[in-house]
Amino acid sequence: MELGNISKPTYGPGPEAPGSSTPGLVTMAHGFLRLVQPNPLPIELINFGHSQSEFSLEDIHKLLLYELGFLVCAAIGALLIILVSLLGCCFCCCRC
C-alpha cells in the first residue's frame, strides 16, 4: 500500500455517485444532500496548528450558515415528533 506524500496530499475531483443497481435512489440521495447543504465548507476556520478555542461572531455565523440545512431538517424532525406524539395521544385518549 502506497501512502503518497502525507505532508502535502493531492486531492482528486469531488465526490461522485457510486455505480449502483439503483441509480434512481442514489441520484435522489445526492440531490437531497446538495439541497440540504449547498454551501462549501469554510476551510479557513479549520486550523490544526493553532488553538480552536477562539471563535469570533463572524466565524460562528459562517459555521451556522454551512450547517443551516441540517439545522432546519433537525428542527422539522423534532417538530414532527412532538406533533405526531401529541396527535396520537389526543386520538387515543379523546375518542369522541
N, C-alpha and C. Protein backbone atom coordinates (compact mmCIF):
# COMPACT_ATOMS: atom_id res chain seq x y z
N MET A 1 0.85 -1.17 0.00
CA MET A 1 0.00 0.00 0.00
C MET A 1 0.90 1.24 0.00
N GLU A 2 0.63 2.13 -0.91
CA GLU A 2 1.42 3.35 -1.02
C GLU A 2 0.63 4.52 -0.43
N LEU A 3 1.26 5.25 0.48
CA LEU A 3 0.59 6.37 1.14
C LEU A 3 0.74 7.67 0.39
N GLY A 4 1.76 7.83 -0.38
CA GLY A 4 1.98 9.08 -1.09
C GLY A 4 2.62 10.10 -0.17
N ASN A 5 2.54 11.36 -0.55
CA ASN A 5 3.13 12.44 0.23
C ASN A 5 2.13 12.86 1.30
N ILE A 6 2.42 12.54 2.56
CA ILE A 6 1.48 12.81 3.64
C ILE A 6 1.46 14.29 4.01
N SER A 7 2.59 14.96 3.94
CA SER A 7 2.64 16.37 4.34
C SER A 7 1.94 17.28 3.34
N LYS A 8 1.92 16.91 2.07
CA LYS A 8 1.23 17.70 1.04
C LYS A 8 0.39 16.75 0.19
N PRO A 9 -0.81 16.41 0.68
CA PRO A 9 -1.62 15.45 -0.07
C PRO A 9 -2.21 16.09 -1.33
N THR A 10 -2.48 15.27 -2.30
CA THR A 10 -3.16 15.73 -3.52
C THR A 10 -4.56 15.15 -3.51
N TYR A 11 -5.50 15.96 -3.86
CA TYR A 11 -6.89 15.56 -3.84
C TYR A 11 -7.41 15.45 -5.27
N GLY A 12 -8.27 14.48 -5.48
CA GLY A 12 -8.87 14.28 -6.79
C GLY A 12 -10.13 15.12 -6.93
N PRO A 13 -10.94 14.81 -7.91
CA PRO A 13 -12.19 15.54 -8.10
C PRO A 13 -13.15 15.29 -6.94
N GLY A 14 -14.21 16.05 -6.88
CA GLY A 14 -15.19 15.94 -5.80
C GLY A 14 -15.89 14.60 -5.79
N PRO A 15 -16.74 14.38 -4.78
CA PRO A 15 -17.42 13.10 -4.67
C PRO A 15 -18.36 12.86 -5.85
N GLU A 16 -18.37 11.64 -6.29
CA GLU A 16 -19.24 11.25 -7.39
C GLU A 16 -20.16 10.14 -6.91
N ALA A 17 -21.29 10.03 -7.53
CA ALA A 17 -22.23 8.98 -7.18
C ALA A 17 -21.63 7.62 -7.55
N PRO A 18 -21.63 6.68 -6.62
CA PRO A 18 -21.04 5.38 -6.94
C PRO A 18 -21.93 4.60 -7.92
N GLY A 19 -21.31 3.68 -8.65
CA GLY A 19 -22.09 2.83 -9.54
C GLY A 19 -22.98 1.93 -8.70
N SER A 20 -24.23 1.81 -9.06
CA SER A 20 -25.16 1.07 -8.24
C SER A 20 -26.22 0.42 -9.12
N SER A 21 -26.90 -0.56 -8.53
CA SER A 21 -28.01 -1.18 -9.25
C SER A 21 -29.29 -0.37 -9.10
N THR A 22 -29.27 0.65 -8.22
CA THR A 22 -30.43 1.53 -8.03
C THR A 22 -30.00 2.98 -8.26
N PRO A 23 -29.77 3.37 -9.51
CA PRO A 23 -29.28 4.74 -9.75
C PRO A 23 -30.30 5.80 -9.39
N GLY A 24 -31.59 5.48 -9.41
CA GLY A 24 -32.60 6.46 -9.04
C GLY A 24 -32.49 6.86 -7.58
N LEU A 25 -32.28 5.87 -6.70
CA LEU A 25 -32.15 6.18 -5.28
C LEU A 25 -30.86 6.94 -4.98
N VAL A 26 -29.79 6.57 -5.68
CA VAL A 26 -28.52 7.28 -5.48
C VAL A 26 -28.64 8.72 -5.93
N THR A 27 -29.29 8.95 -7.05
CA THR A 27 -29.49 10.31 -7.55
C THR A 27 -30.36 11.11 -6.59
N MET A 28 -31.40 10.47 -6.04
CA MET A 28 -32.27 11.16 -5.10
C MET A 28 -31.52 11.51 -3.80
N ALA A 29 -30.69 10.61 -3.30
CA ALA A 29 -29.93 10.89 -2.08
C ALA A 29 -28.93 12.01 -2.29
N HIS A 30 -28.22 11.99 -3.43
CA HIS A 30 -27.25 13.06 -3.71
C HIS A 30 -27.97 14.40 -3.95
N GLY A 31 -29.15 14.36 -4.57
CA GLY A 31 -29.92 15.58 -4.74
C GLY A 31 -30.35 16.17 -3.41
N PHE A 32 -30.77 15.29 -2.47
CA PHE A 32 -31.16 15.77 -1.15
C PHE A 32 -29.98 16.38 -0.41
N LEU A 33 -28.81 15.74 -0.50
CA LEU A 33 -27.63 16.28 0.18
C LEU A 33 -27.19 17.61 -0.41
N ARG A 34 -27.30 17.76 -1.73
CA ARG A 34 -26.96 19.05 -2.35
C ARG A 34 -27.98 20.12 -1.97
N LEU A 35 -29.25 19.72 -1.76
CA LEU A 35 -30.28 20.67 -1.36
C LEU A 35 -30.09 21.11 0.09
N VAL A 36 -29.75 20.16 0.96
CA VAL A 36 -29.62 20.46 2.38
C VAL A 36 -28.35 21.25 2.67
N GLN A 37 -27.26 20.94 1.99
CA GLN A 37 -26.00 21.61 2.28
C GLN A 37 -25.36 22.16 1.01
N PRO A 38 -25.89 23.28 0.49
CA PRO A 38 -25.36 23.84 -0.76
C PRO A 38 -24.09 24.67 -0.57
N ASN A 39 -23.81 25.11 0.66
CA ASN A 39 -22.68 25.99 0.91
C ASN A 39 -21.39 25.19 1.06
N PRO A 40 -20.27 25.70 0.57
CA PRO A 40 -19.00 24.99 0.73
C PRO A 40 -18.50 25.08 2.18
N LEU A 41 -17.67 24.13 2.58
CA LEU A 41 -17.09 24.11 3.91
C LEU A 41 -16.13 25.28 4.07
N PRO A 42 -16.28 26.09 5.13
CA PRO A 42 -15.36 27.21 5.34
C PRO A 42 -14.00 26.69 5.84
N ILE A 43 -13.11 26.41 4.91
CA ILE A 43 -11.83 25.77 5.23
C ILE A 43 -10.94 26.69 6.06
N GLU A 44 -11.08 27.98 5.94
CA GLU A 44 -10.22 28.89 6.70
C GLU A 44 -10.47 28.79 8.21
N LEU A 45 -11.60 28.22 8.62
CA LEU A 45 -11.87 28.06 10.05
C LEU A 45 -11.18 26.82 10.63
N ILE A 46 -10.78 25.89 9.78
CA ILE A 46 -10.11 24.67 10.23
C ILE A 46 -8.62 24.94 10.23
N ASN A 47 -8.07 25.14 11.40
CA ASN A 47 -6.65 25.44 11.53
C ASN A 47 -6.08 24.50 12.58
N PHE A 48 -5.37 23.47 12.15
CA PHE A 48 -4.88 22.46 13.07
C PHE A 48 -3.64 22.92 13.84
N GLY A 49 -2.99 23.95 13.40
CA GLY A 49 -1.77 24.40 14.04
C GLY A 49 -1.99 25.28 15.26
N HIS A 50 -3.16 25.89 15.38
CA HIS A 50 -3.42 26.83 16.46
C HIS A 50 -4.61 26.38 17.29
N SER A 51 -4.82 27.07 18.39
CA SER A 51 -5.92 26.74 19.29
C SER A 51 -7.26 27.05 18.62
N GLN A 52 -8.23 26.16 18.82
CA GLN A 52 -9.56 26.34 18.22
C GLN A 52 -10.53 26.99 19.20
N SER A 53 -10.07 27.44 20.37
CA SER A 53 -10.98 27.97 21.38
C SER A 53 -11.42 29.41 21.09
N GLU A 54 -10.81 30.07 20.15
CA GLU A 54 -11.12 31.47 19.88
C GLU A 54 -11.90 31.60 18.57
N PHE A 55 -13.22 31.69 18.68
CA PHE A 55 -14.09 31.88 17.52
C PHE A 55 -14.72 33.26 17.62
N SER A 56 -14.70 34.00 16.54
CA SER A 56 -15.38 35.29 16.53
C SER A 56 -16.83 35.07 16.11
N LEU A 57 -17.62 36.12 16.20
CA LEU A 57 -19.03 36.01 15.80
C LEU A 57 -19.15 35.73 14.31
N GLU A 58 -18.22 36.25 13.52
CA GLU A 58 -18.25 36.01 12.07
C GLU A 58 -17.96 34.54 11.77
N ASP A 59 -17.03 33.93 12.54
CA ASP A 59 -16.74 32.51 12.35
C ASP A 59 -17.93 31.65 12.70
N ILE A 60 -18.59 31.98 13.80
CA ILE A 60 -19.78 31.23 14.20
C ILE A 60 -20.87 31.39 13.16
N HIS A 61 -21.00 32.60 12.61
CA HIS A 61 -22.00 32.84 11.57
C HIS A 61 -21.72 31.98 10.33
N LYS A 62 -20.43 31.88 9.94
CA LYS A 62 -20.07 31.06 8.79
C LYS A 62 -20.37 29.59 9.03
N LEU A 63 -20.07 29.10 10.24
CA LEU A 63 -20.35 27.71 10.56
C LEU A 63 -21.84 27.42 10.58
N LEU A 64 -22.63 28.33 11.13
CA LEU A 64 -24.08 28.14 11.15
C LEU A 64 -24.66 28.19 9.74
N LEU A 65 -24.12 29.05 8.90
CA LEU A 65 -24.57 29.11 7.52
C LEU A 65 -24.24 27.81 6.79
N TYR A 66 -23.08 27.23 7.10
CA TYR A 66 -22.69 25.97 6.49
C TYR A 66 -23.63 24.84 6.92
N GLU A 67 -24.05 24.84 8.18
CA GLU A 67 -24.89 23.78 8.71
C GLU A 67 -26.37 24.13 8.70
N LEU A 68 -26.76 25.19 8.03
CA LEU A 68 -28.14 25.66 8.07
C LEU A 68 -29.14 24.61 7.60
N GLY A 69 -28.84 23.91 6.53
CA GLY A 69 -29.76 22.91 6.01
C GLY A 69 -30.00 21.79 6.99
N PHE A 70 -28.94 21.31 7.64
CA PHE A 70 -29.09 20.25 8.63
C PHE A 70 -29.85 20.74 9.85
N LEU A 71 -29.62 21.98 10.25
CA LEU A 71 -30.34 22.54 11.39
C LEU A 71 -31.84 22.64 11.10
N VAL A 72 -32.19 23.05 9.89
CA VAL A 72 -33.61 23.14 9.51
C VAL A 72 -34.24 21.76 9.49
N CYS A 73 -33.55 20.77 8.94
CA CYS A 73 -34.08 19.40 8.92
C CYS A 73 -34.26 18.85 10.33
N ALA A 74 -33.31 19.14 11.22
CA ALA A 74 -33.43 18.68 12.60
C ALA A 74 -34.61 19.35 13.31
N ALA A 75 -34.82 20.64 13.05
CA ALA A 75 -35.94 21.35 13.67
C ALA A 75 -37.28 20.81 13.17
N ILE A 76 -37.38 20.56 11.87
CA ILE A 76 -38.62 20.00 11.32
C ILE A 76 -38.86 18.60 11.87
N GLY A 77 -37.79 17.79 11.99
CA GLY A 77 -37.94 16.45 12.55
C GLY A 77 -38.40 16.48 13.99
N ALA A 78 -37.81 17.35 14.80
CA ALA A 78 -38.22 17.46 16.21
C ALA A 78 -39.67 17.93 16.32
N LEU A 79 -40.05 18.88 15.48
CA LEU A 79 -41.42 19.37 15.48
C LEU A 79 -42.41 18.27 15.10
N LEU A 80 -42.05 17.48 14.09
CA LEU A 80 -42.94 16.39 13.68
C LEU A 80 -43.04 15.31 14.75
N ILE A 81 -41.95 15.00 15.43
CA ILE A 81 -42.00 14.00 16.50
C ILE A 81 -42.94 14.47 17.61
N ILE A 82 -42.85 15.73 17.98
CA ILE A 82 -43.70 16.26 19.05
C ILE A 82 -45.16 16.31 18.60
N LEU A 83 -45.41 16.82 17.40
CA LEU A 83 -46.79 16.96 16.93
C LEU A 83 -47.47 15.60 16.71
N VAL A 84 -46.75 14.64 16.14
CA VAL A 84 -47.34 13.32 15.91
C VAL A 84 -47.63 12.64 17.24
N SER A 85 -46.76 12.80 18.22
CA SER A 85 -46.99 12.21 19.54
C SER A 85 -48.21 12.83 20.20
N LEU A 86 -48.33 14.15 20.13
CA LEU A 86 -49.50 14.82 20.72
C LEU A 86 -50.79 14.44 20.00
N LEU A 87 -50.74 14.36 18.70
CA LEU A 87 -51.92 13.98 17.93
C LEU A 87 -52.33 12.54 18.25
N GLY A 88 -51.37 11.63 18.37
CA GLY A 88 -51.68 10.25 18.72
C GLY A 88 -52.27 10.15 20.11
N CYS A 89 -51.71 10.95 21.04
CA CYS A 89 -52.25 10.94 22.39
C CYS A 89 -53.70 11.46 22.41
N CYS A 90 -53.97 12.49 21.63
CA CYS A 90 -55.34 13.03 21.56
C CYS A 90 -56.30 12.00 20.97
N PHE A 91 -55.89 11.30 19.93
CA PHE A 91 -56.76 10.28 19.34
C PHE A 91 -56.99 9.11 20.28
N CYS A 92 -55.97 8.73 21.04
CA CYS A 92 -56.12 7.59 21.96
C CYS A 92 -56.93 7.94 23.19
N CYS A 93 -56.71 9.12 23.73
CA CYS A 93 -57.36 9.49 24.99
C CYS A 93 -58.74 10.13 24.79
N CYS A 94 -58.97 10.78 23.71
CA CYS A 94 -60.19 11.54 23.49
C CYS A 94 -60.96 10.97 22.30
N ARG A 95 -61.33 9.70 22.36
CA ARG A 95 -62.04 9.11 21.22
C ARG A 95 -63.50 9.57 21.26
N CYS A 96 -63.78 10.65 20.54
CA CYS A 96 -65.11 11.21 20.51
C CYS A 96 -65.82 10.79 19.24
